[in-house]
Amino acid sequence: MIRAPEKEGGEYDTLAAALVREEVDAIVATATSAITAAQKATQRIPIVMSPSTDPVALGFVTSLRQPGGNITGVNVQAEETTGKRMQLLREMLPTVSRVAFIWHTVDGKLSAEGEAAVVAAPKLGMQLFKFAVASAGALPAAFEAAAKARVGAVLAGQTAFTFGLRAQFASLGLQYKLATIYSLPVAATAGYLMAYGPSDVEYYRQAAVFVDKIFKGRKPAELPVEQPLRWELVINMKTAKALGITVPPVVLLQAERVIE
């Protein structure tokens, strides 16, 4: 399995090549960079995405219904989930109209999630400010710039980079008194105000089902890409208290889990 690292960086190409040399029967890859490395390393060994965002646009599969190669797995639709995340942010903080989107990039290109946020913001009466960071060292400056722009909340783009730095994102949010929201529920445990997205436990289980089917003779090209089966909203009440936020009942009722 190739998984997002707990810190910035990660030698995905080296890891993928090592797995190919070991002649494994299947590779489960988490995060776009890991899937890309696995794809470059082999067109023979089955690869299961757990999950991917927009695998057709990224060139991992030909279509969701007919992947057509050696890759299949779980797909998270950035447009739908980002819109829902921002809607929850609006319900949590109805007076906040300025929101920052912070994402990791080395070429300045806006991610699919960022594009979805650009579309969703005006529909919710929000003004979106975009801040790209290329390294962990640039993150404090991005939060400082967001605070100077008088935003009230930060939406962090989902990548291996932001996941690995989730504790720092949460800490900077508290430092600058900015509500933080992420796409993976585990981020709320790290101190984000809230997180909404697919259950990581459930999409790993889905990946296991794909692997089981492949081991029983099915081809990845024949296995349609699936959506996550379970979604979770997790709210960190400790962070809410530290930010002076009273969580509205309408939001609490939607929460799968509340961290006291």
C-alpha atoms as a PDB file:
ATOM      1  CA  MET A   1       0.000   0.000   0.000  1.00  0.00           C
ATOM      2  CA  ILE A   2       1.199   3.512  -0.857  1.00  0.00           C
ATOM      3  CA  ARG A   3      -0.223   5.995   1.620  1.00  0.00           C
ATOM      4  CA  ALA A   4       0.054   9.747   2.116  1.00  0.00           C
ATOM      5  CA  PRO A   5       2.999  10.502   4.429  1.00  0.00           C
ATOM      6  CA  GLU A   6       2.595  12.098   7.838  1.00  0.00           C
ATOM      7  CA  LYS A   7       4.871  14.939   6.839  1.00  0.00           C
ATOM      8  CA  GLU A   8       5.654  17.020   3.792  1.00  0.00           C
ATOM      9  CA  GLY A   9       7.069  15.145   0.837  1.00  0.00           C
ATOM     10  CA  GLY A  10       7.258  11.398   0.334  1.00  0.00           C
ATOM     11  CA  GLU A  11       9.226   9.226  -2.070  1.00  0.00           C
ATOM     12  CA  TYR A  12       6.232   7.823  -3.896  1.00  0.00           C
ATOM     13  CA  ASP A  13       8.130   6.824  -7.026  1.00  0.00           C
ATOM     14  CA  THR A  14      10.656   4.882  -4.963  1.00  0.00           C
ATOM     15  CA  LEU A  15       7.932   3.150  -2.956  1.00  0.00           C
ATOM     16  CA  ALA A  16       5.949   2.245  -6.063  1.00  0.00           C
ATOM     17  CA  ALA A  17       9.021   0.874  -7.833  1.00  0.00           C
ATOM     18  CA  ALA A  18       9.853  -1.226  -4.775  1.00  0.00           C
ATOM     19  CA  LEU A  19       6.374  -2.754  -4.748  1.00  0.00           C
ATOM     20  CA  VAL A  20       6.632  -3.589  -8.446  1.00  0.00           C
ATOM     21  CA  ARG A  21      10.001  -5.288  -7.874  1.00  0.00           C
ATOM     22  CA  GLU A  22       8.399  -7.343  -5.106  1.00  0.00           C
ATOM     23  CA  GLU A  23       5.830  -8.489  -7.691  1.00  0.00           C
ATOM     24  CA  VAL A  24       2.875  -7.784  -5.407  1.00  0.00           C
ATOM     25  CA  ASP A  25      -0.540  -8.909  -6.608  1.00  0.00           C
ATOM     26  CA  ALA A  26      -2.216  -5.515  -6.134  1.00  0.00           C
ATOM     27  CA  ILE A  27      -1.383  -1.983  -4.991  1.00  0.00           C
ATOM     28  CA  VAL A  28      -3.700   0.200  -2.890  1.00  0.00           C
ATOM     29  CA  ALA A  29      -2.773   3.874  -3.285  1.00  0.00           C
ATOM     30  CA  THR A  30      -4.034   6.808  -1.229  1.00  0.00           C
ATOM     31  CA  ALA A  31      -3.700  10.410  -2.514  1.00  0.00           C
ATOM     32  CA  THR A  32      -3.230  11.634  -6.074  1.00  0.00           C
ATOM     33  CA  SER A  33       0.567  11.656  -5.911  1.00  0.00           C
ATOM     34  CA  ALA A  34       0.638   8.052  -4.718  1.00  0.00           C
ATOM     35  CA  ILE A  35      -1.745   6.896  -7.447  1.00  0.00           C
ATOM     36  CA  THR A  36       0.305   8.761 -10.052  1.00  0.00           C
ATOM     37  CA  ALA A  37       3.495   7.055  -8.870  1.00  0.00           C
ATOM     38  CA  ALA A  38       1.856   3.629  -8.985  1.00  0.00           C
ATOM     39  CA  GLN A  39       0.508   4.313 -12.472  1.00  0.00           C
ATOM     40  CA  LYS A  40       3.971   5.297 -13.714  1.00  0.00           C
ATOM     41  CA  ALA A  41       5.507   2.211 -12.137  1.00  0.00           C
ATOM     42  CA  THR A  42       3.202  -0.393 -13.662  1.00  0.00           C
ATOM     43  CA  GLN A  43       0.495  -0.935 -16.240  1.00  0.00           C
ATOM     44  CA  ARG A  44       0.276  -4.603 -15.281  1.00  0.00           C
ATOM     45  CA  ILE A  45      -0.313  -4.846 -11.526  1.00  0.00           C
ATOM     46  CA  PRO A  46      -3.874  -3.883 -10.457  1.00  0.00           C
ATOM     47  CA  ILE A  47      -4.046  -0.522  -8.639  1.00  0.00           C
ATOM     48  CA  VAL A  48      -6.914   0.384  -6.290  1.00  0.00           C
ATOM     49  CA  MET A  49      -7.492   4.097  -5.586  1.00  0.00           C
ATOM     50  CA  SER A  50      -8.517   4.744  -1.991  1.00  0.00           C
ATOM     51  CA  PRO A  51      -9.688   7.344  -2.866  1.00  0.00           C
ATOM     52  CA  SER A  52      -9.021   9.644  -5.837  1.00  0.00           C
ATOM     53  CA  THR A  53     -10.513  12.989  -6.773  1.00  0.00           C
ATOM     54  CA  ASP A  54     -11.608  13.249 -10.411  1.00  0.00           C
ATOM     55  CA  PRO A  55      -9.720  10.175 -11.723  1.00  0.00           C
ATOM     56  CA  VAL A  56     -10.959  10.710 -15.306  1.00  0.00           C
ATOM     57  CA  ALA A  57      -9.491  14.225 -15.534  1.00  0.00           C
ATOM     58  CA  LEU A  58      -6.287  12.996 -13.888  1.00  0.00           C
ATOM     59  CA  GLY A  59      -5.939  10.237 -16.461  1.00  0.00           C
ATOM     60  CA  PHE A  60      -6.197   7.317 -14.056  1.00  0.00           C
ATOM     61  CA  VAL A  61      -9.254   5.798 -15.750  1.00  0.00           C
ATOM     62  CA  THR A  62     -11.028   6.200 -19.093  1.00  0.00           C
ATOM     63  CA  SER A  63     -14.443   6.512 -17.450  1.00  0.00           C
ATOM     64  CA  LEU A  64     -16.007   5.786 -14.082  1.00  0.00           C
ATOM     65  CA  ARG A  65     -18.190   2.988 -15.469  1.00  0.00           C
ATOM     66  CA  GLN A  66     -15.450   1.417 -17.566  1.00  0.00           C
ATOM     67  CA  PRO A  67     -12.002   2.217 -16.130  1.00  0.00           C
ATOM     68  CA  GLY A  68     -10.334   0.532 -19.095  1.00  0.00           C
ATOM     69  CA  GLY A  69      -6.886  -0.099 -17.596  1.00  0.00           C
ATOM     70  CA  ASN A  70      -5.259  -1.521 -14.494  1.00  0.00           C
ATOM     71  CA  ILE A  71      -6.726   1.108 -12.118  1.00  0.00           C
ATOM     72  CA  THR A  72     -10.073   1.263 -10.320  1.00  0.00           C
ATOM     73  CA  GLY A  73     -11.305   2.079  -6.817  1.00  0.00           C
ATOM     74  CA  VAL A  74     -13.056   4.889  -4.951  1.00  0.00           C
ATOM     75  CA  ASN A  75     -13.687   8.393  -6.290  1.00  0.00           C
ATOM     76  CA  VAL A  76     -14.632  11.530  -4.341  1.00  0.00           C
ATOM     77  CA  GLN A  77     -16.442  14.194  -6.374  1.00  0.00           C
ATOM     78  CA  ALA A  78     -14.753  17.498  -5.502  1.00  0.00           C
ATOM     79  CA  GLU A  79     -17.603  19.684  -6.742  1.00  0.00           C
ATOM     80  CA  GLU A  80     -20.316  18.017  -4.688  1.00  0.00           C
ATOM     81  CA  THR A  81     -18.351  17.597  -1.475  1.00  0.00           C
ATOM     82  CA  THR A  82     -16.798  21.074  -1.536  1.00  0.00           C
ATOM     83  CA  GLY A  83     -20.196  22.672  -2.020  1.00  0.00           C
ATOM     84  CA  LYS A  84     -21.585  20.733   0.933  1.00  0.00           C
ATOM     85  CA  ARG A  85     -18.581  21.640   3.067  1.00  0.00           C
ATOM     86  CA  MET A  86     -19.066  25.334   2.344  1.00  0.00           C
ATOM     87  CA  GLN A  87     -22.792  25.062   2.993  1.00  0.00           C
ATOM     88  CA  LEU A  88     -22.017  23.608   6.433  1.00  0.00           C
ATOM     89  CA  LEU A  89     -19.584  26.456   7.017  1.00  0.00           C
ATOM     90  CA  ARG A  90     -22.342  28.932   6.153  1.00  0.00           C
ATOM     91  CA  GLU A  91     -24.695  27.223   8.623  1.00  0.00           C
ATOM     92  CA  MET A  92     -22.000  27.138  11.310  1.00  0.00           C
ATOM     93  CA  LEU A  93     -20.983  30.788  10.829  1.00  0.00           C
ATOM     94  CA  PRO A  94     -23.892  32.644   9.194  1.00  0.00           C
ATOM     95  CA  THR A  95     -22.235  36.065   9.594  1.00  0.00           C
ATOM     96  CA  VAL A  96     -18.948  35.093   7.912  1.00  0.00           C
ATOM     97  CA  SER A  97     -18.774  36.276   4.309  1.00  0.00           C
ATOM     98  CA  ARG A  98     -15.023  36.131   3.606  1.00  0.00           C
ATOM     99  CA  VAL A  99     -13.420  32.686   3.369  1.00  0.00           C
ATOM    100  CA  ALA A 100      -9.876  31.603   2.500  1.00  0.00           C
ATOM    101  CA  PHE A 101      -8.974  28.547   0.453  1.00  0.00           C
ATOM    102  CA  ILE A 102      -5.433  27.355   1.196  1.00  0.00           C
ATOM    103  CA  TRP A 103      -3.988  24.607  -0.940  1.00  0.00           C
ATOM    104  CA  HIS A 104      -0.638  23.019  -1.715  1.00  0.00           C
ATOM    105  CA  THR A 105       0.781  23.420  -5.208  1.00  0.00           C
ATOM    106  CA  VAL A 106       4.179  23.628  -6.851  1.00  0.00           C
ATOM    107  CA  ASP A 107       2.931  25.165 -10.100  1.00  0.00           C
ATOM    108  CA  GLY A 108       0.258  27.565  -8.834  1.00  0.00           C
ATOM    109  CA  LYS A 109      -2.503  25.623 -10.540  1.00  0.00           C
ATOM    110  CA  LEU A 110      -5.809  25.615  -8.680  1.00  0.00           C
ATOM    111  CA  SER A 111      -7.039  22.175  -7.668  1.00  0.00           C
ATOM    112  CA  ALA A 112     -10.430  20.724  -8.640  1.00  0.00           C
ATOM    113  CA  GLU A 113     -11.528  21.365  -5.061  1.00  0.00           C
ATOM    114  CA  GLY A 114     -10.444  24.977  -5.359  1.00  0.00           C
ATOM    115  CA  GLU A 115     -12.331  25.393  -8.623  1.00  0.00           C
ATOM    116  CA  ALA A 116     -15.422  23.984  -6.910  1.00  0.00           C
ATOM    117  CA  ALA A 117     -14.988  26.464  -4.048  1.00  0.00           C
ATOM    118  CA  VAL A 118     -14.783  29.340  -6.544  1.00  0.00           C
ATOM    119  CA  VAL A 119     -18.126  28.258  -8.003  1.00  0.00           C
ATOM    120  CA  ALA A 120     -19.829  27.604  -4.638  1.00  0.00           C
ATOM    121  CA  ALA A 121     -18.743  30.778  -2.796  1.00  0.00           C
ATOM    122  CA  PRO A 122     -20.915  33.392  -4.567  1.00  0.00           C
ATOM    123  CA  LYS A 123     -23.935  31.114  -4.424  1.00  0.00           C
ATOM    124  CA  LEU A 124     -23.595  31.165  -0.631  1.00  0.00           C
ATOM    125  CA  GLY A 125     -22.950  34.905  -0.424  1.00  0.00           C
ATOM    126  CA  MET A 126     -19.248  34.387   0.271  1.00  0.00           C
ATOM    127  CA  GLN A 127     -16.116  36.031  -1.095  1.00  0.00           C
ATOM    128  CA  LEU A 128     -13.293  33.540  -1.627  1.00  0.00           C
ATOM    129  CA  PHE A 129      -9.612  34.409  -1.155  1.00  0.00           C
ATOM    130  CA  LYS A 130      -7.090  31.907  -2.556  1.00  0.00           C
ATOM    131  CA  PHE A 131      -3.656  31.251  -1.036  1.00  0.00           C
ATOM    132  CA  ALA A 132      -1.258  28.738  -2.579  1.00  0.00           C
ATOM    133  CA  VAL A 133       1.604  27.279  -0.533  1.00  0.00           C
ATOM    134  CA  ALA A 134       4.539  25.323  -1.938  1.00  0.00           C
ATOM    135  CA  SER A 135       6.094  24.199   1.346  1.00  0.00           C
ATOM    136  CA  ALA A 136       5.360  23.800   5.037  1.00  0.00           C
ATOM    137  CA  GLY A 137       7.430  26.897   5.754  1.00  0.00           C
ATOM    138  CA  ALA A 138       5.036  29.008   3.687  1.00  0.00           C
ATOM    139  CA  LEU A 139       1.956  27.996   5.679  1.00  0.00           C
ATOM    140  CA  PRO A 140       2.211  30.589   8.512  1.00  0.00           C
ATOM    141  CA  ALA A 141       2.511  33.388   5.952  1.00  0.00           C
ATOM    142  CA  ALA A 142      -0.614  32.146   4.179  1.00  0.00           C
ATOM    143  CA  PHE A 143      -2.595  32.273   7.429  1.00  0.00           C
ATOM    144  CA  GLU A 144      -1.226  35.725   8.199  1.00  0.00           C
ATOM    145  CA  ALA A 145      -2.284  36.924   4.735  1.00  0.00           C
ATOM    146  CA  ALA A 146      -5.721  35.376   5.224  1.00  0.00           C
ATOM    147  CA  ALA A 147      -6.105  37.167   8.555  1.00  0.00           C
ATOM    148  CA  LYS A 148      -5.078  40.471   6.950  1.00  0.00           C
ATOM    149  CA  ALA A 149      -7.752  39.875   4.305  1.00  0.00           C
ATOM    150  CA  ARG A 150     -10.229  39.727   7.219  1.00  0.00           C
ATOM    151  CA  VAL A 151     -11.507  36.259   6.401  1.00  0.00           C
ATOM    152  CA  GLY A 152     -13.441  34.412   9.071  1.00  0.00           C
ATOM    153  CA  ALA A 153     -12.699  30.858   8.063  1.00  0.00           C
ATOM    154  CA  VAL A 154     -10.172  28.712   6.203  1.00  0.00           C
ATOM    155  CA  LEU A 155     -11.042  25.850   3.889  1.00  0.00           C
ATOM    156  CA  ALA A 156      -7.980  23.621   3.445  1.00  0.00           C
ATOM    157  CA  GLY A 157      -7.578  21.810   0.138  1.00  0.00           C
ATOM    158  CA  GLN A 158      -7.232  18.049   0.458  1.00  0.00           C
ATOM    159  CA  THR A 159      -3.792  16.734  -0.434  1.00  0.00           C
ATOM    160  CA  ALA A 160      -1.194  14.520   1.213  1.00  0.00           C
ATOM    161  CA  PHE A 161       0.590  17.764   2.157  1.00  0.00           C
ATOM    162  CA  THR A 162      -2.348  19.328   4.004  1.00  0.00           C
ATOM    163  CA  PHE A 163      -3.264  16.028   5.630  1.00  0.00           C
ATOM    164  CA  GLY A 164       0.260  15.598   6.958  1.00  0.00           C
ATOM    165  CA  LEU A 165       0.199  19.158   8.322  1.00  0.00           C
ATOM    166  CA  ARG A 166      -3.316  18.976   9.774  1.00  0.00           C
ATOM    167  CA  ALA A 167      -2.142  19.731  13.327  1.00  0.00           C
ATOM    168  CA  GLN A 168      -0.270  22.831  12.117  1.00  0.00           C
ATOM    169  CA  PHE A 169      -3.302  24.005  10.129  1.00  0.00           C
ATOM    170  CA  ALA A 170      -5.463  23.632  13.228  1.00  0.00           C
ATOM    171  CA  SER A 171      -2.915  25.410  15.439  1.00  0.00           C
ATOM    172  CA  LEU A 172      -2.576  28.336  13.045  1.00  0.00           C
ATOM    173  CA  GLY A 173      -6.351  28.575  12.872  1.00  0.00           C
ATOM    174  CA  LEU A 174      -6.466  29.033  16.630  1.00  0.00           C
ATOM    175  CA  GLN A 175      -3.550  31.467  16.557  1.00  0.00           C
ATOM    176  CA  TYR A 176      -5.267  33.735  14.042  1.00  0.00           C
ATOM    177  CA  LYS A 177      -8.800  33.096  15.373  1.00  0.00           C
ATOM    178  CA  LEU A 178      -9.949  31.519  12.108  1.00  0.00           C
ATOM    179  CA  ALA A 179     -12.395  28.646  11.862  1.00  0.00           C
ATOM    180  CA  THR A 180     -10.900  25.724   9.942  1.00  0.00           C
ATOM    181  CA  ILE A 181     -12.651  23.036   7.923  1.00  0.00           C
ATOM    182  CA  TYR A 182     -11.284  19.993   6.098  1.00  0.00           C
ATOM    183  CA  SER A 183     -12.510  17.110   3.985  1.00  0.00           C
ATOM    184  CA  LEU A 184     -11.408  14.150   6.133  1.00  0.00           C
ATOM    185  CA  PRO A 185     -13.136  13.562   9.492  1.00  0.00           C
ATOM    186  CA  VAL A 186      -9.855  12.740  11.251  1.00  0.00           C
ATOM    187  CA  ALA A 187      -8.813  16.401  10.859  1.00  0.00           C
ATOM    188  CA  ALA A 188     -11.332  17.422  13.522  1.00  0.00           C
ATOM    189  CA  THR A 189      -9.487  15.188  15.957  1.00  0.00           C
ATOM    190  CA  ALA A 190      -6.318  17.149  15.146  1.00  0.00           C
ATOM    191  CA  GLY A 191      -8.033  20.414  16.119  1.00  0.00           C
ATOM    192  CA  TYR A 192      -9.919  21.660  13.060  1.00  0.00           C
ATOM    193  CA  LEU A 193     -13.245  23.241  13.949  1.00  0.00           C
ATOM    194  CA  MET A 194     -15.030  20.715  11.773  1.00  0.00           C
ATOM    195  CA  ALA A 195     -14.546  18.249   8.966  1.00  0.00           C
ATOM    196  CA  TYR A 196     -16.947  16.795   6.458  1.00  0.00           C
ATOM    197  CA  GLY A 197     -16.181  14.031   4.019  1.00  0.00           C
ATOM    198  CA  PRO A 198     -16.077  10.301   3.412  1.00  0.00           C
ATOM    199  CA  SER A 199     -15.254   8.031   6.320  1.00  0.00           C
ATOM    200  CA  ASP A 200     -11.654   6.907   5.869  1.00  0.00           C
ATOM    201  CA  VAL A 201     -12.483   3.602   7.572  1.00  0.00           C
ATOM    202  CA  GLU A 202     -15.270   2.939   5.086  1.00  0.00           C
ATOM    203  CA  TYR A 203     -13.344   3.764   1.927  1.00  0.00           C
ATOM    204  CA  TYR A 204     -10.489   1.516   3.083  1.00  0.00           C
ATOM    205  CA  ARG A 205     -13.092  -1.216   3.483  1.00  0.00           C
ATOM    206  CA  GLN A 206     -14.291  -0.473  -0.045  1.00  0.00           C
ATOM    207  CA  ALA A 207     -10.714  -0.783  -1.238  1.00  0.00           C
ATOM    208  CA  ALA A 208     -10.505  -4.190   0.442  1.00  0.00           C
ATOM    209  CA  VAL A 209     -13.622  -5.283  -1.441  1.00  0.00           C
ATOM    210  CA  PHE A 210     -12.005  -4.232  -4.726  1.00  0.00           C
ATOM    211  CA  VAL A 211      -8.860  -6.187  -3.865  1.00  0.00           C
ATOM    212  CA  ASP A 212     -10.941  -9.241  -2.987  1.00  0.00           C
ATOM    213  CA  LYS A 213     -12.728  -9.101  -6.351  1.00  0.00           C
ATOM    214  CA  ILE A 214      -9.413  -8.745  -8.178  1.00  0.00           C
ATOM    215  CA  PHE A 215      -7.925 -11.703  -6.297  1.00  0.00           C
ATOM    216  CA  LYS A 216     -10.972 -13.731  -7.354  1.00  0.00           C
ATOM    217  CA  GLY A 217     -10.255 -13.045 -10.999  1.00  0.00           C
ATOM    218  CA  ARG A 218     -11.978  -9.740 -11.869  1.00  0.00           C
ATOM    219  CA  LYS A 219     -10.066  -7.197 -13.951  1.00  0.00           C
ATOM    220  CA  PRO A 220      -9.758  -3.564 -12.794  1.00  0.00           C
ATOM    221  CA  ALA A 221     -10.874  -2.489 -16.277  1.00  0.00           C
ATOM    222  CA  GLU A 222     -14.209  -4.221 -15.635  1.00  0.00           C
ATOM    223  CA  LEU A 223     -14.833  -2.867 -12.116  1.00  0.00           C
ATOM    224  CA  PRO A 224     -16.654   0.510 -12.124  1.00  0.00           C
ATOM    225  CA  VAL A 225     -15.218   3.234  -9.908  1.00  0.00           C
ATOM    226  CA  GLU A 226     -17.426   3.734  -6.836  1.00  0.00           C
ATOM    227  CA  GLN A 227     -18.405   6.650  -4.635  1.00  0.00           C
ATOM    228  CA  PRO A 228     -17.763   6.496  -0.861  1.00  0.00           C
ATOM    229  CA  LEU A 229     -20.524   4.662   0.986  1.00  0.00           C
ATOM    230  CA  ARG A 230     -20.492   6.756   4.156  1.00  0.00           C
ATOM    231  CA  TRP A 231     -20.015  10.459   4.886  1.00  0.00           C
ATOM    232  CA  GLU A 232     -19.310  12.065   8.247  1.00  0.00           C
ATOM    233  CA  LEU A 233     -19.541  15.501   9.812  1.00  0.00           C
ATOM    234  CA  VAL A 234     -17.295  15.799  12.876  1.00  0.00           C
ATOM    235  CA  ILE A 235     -17.246  18.924  15.071  1.00  0.00           C
ATOM    236  CA  ASN A 236     -14.571  19.787  17.605  1.00  0.00           C
ATOM    237  CA  MET A 237     -16.305  21.589  20.478  1.00  0.00           C
ATOM    238  CA  LYS A 238     -12.989  22.381  22.176  1.00  0.00           C
ATOM    239  CA  THR A 239     -11.941  24.362  19.126  1.00  0.00           C
ATOM    240  CA  ALA A 240     -15.349  26.014  18.906  1.00  0.00           C
ATOM    241  CA  LYS A 241     -15.042  27.148  22.522  1.00  0.00           C
ATOM    242  CA  ALA A 242     -11.499  28.446  21.960  1.00  0.00           C
ATOM    243  CA  LEU A 243     -12.757  30.491  18.985  1.00  0.00           C
ATOM    244  CA  GLY A 244     -15.804  31.749  20.869  1.00  0.00           C
ATOM    245  CA  ILE A 245     -18.184  29.983  18.485  1.00  0.00           C
ATOM    246  CA  THR A 246     -21.584  28.727  19.560  1.00  0.00           C
ATOM    247  CA  VAL A 247     -22.435  25.795  17.311  1.00  0.00           C
ATOM    248  CA  PRO A 248     -26.006  26.149  15.990  1.00  0.00           C
ATOM    249  CA  PRO A 249     -28.367  23.245  16.792  1.00  0.00           C
ATOM    250  CA  VAL A 250     -29.052  22.749  13.064  1.00  0.00           C
ATOM    251  CA  VAL A 251     -25.363  21.898  12.581  1.00  0.00           C
ATOM    252  CA  LEU A 252     -25.073  19.746  15.696  1.00  0.00           C
ATOM    253  CA  LEU A 253     -28.001  17.637  14.528  1.00  0.00           C
ATOM    254  CA  GLN A 254     -26.109  16.785  11.346  1.00  0.00           C
ATOM    255  CA  ALA A 255     -22.933  15.719  13.166  1.00  0.00           C
ATOM    256  CA  GLU A 256     -21.925  12.088  13.103  1.00  0.00           C
ATOM    257  CA  ARG A 257     -19.521  12.751  15.970  1.00  0.00           C
ATOM    258  CA  VAL A 258     -18.812  15.610  18.378  1.00  0.00           C
ATOM    259  CA  ILE A 259     -15.439  15.965  20.097  1.00  0.00           C
ATOM    260  CA  GLU A 260     -15.940  17.388  23.574  1.00  0.00           C
END
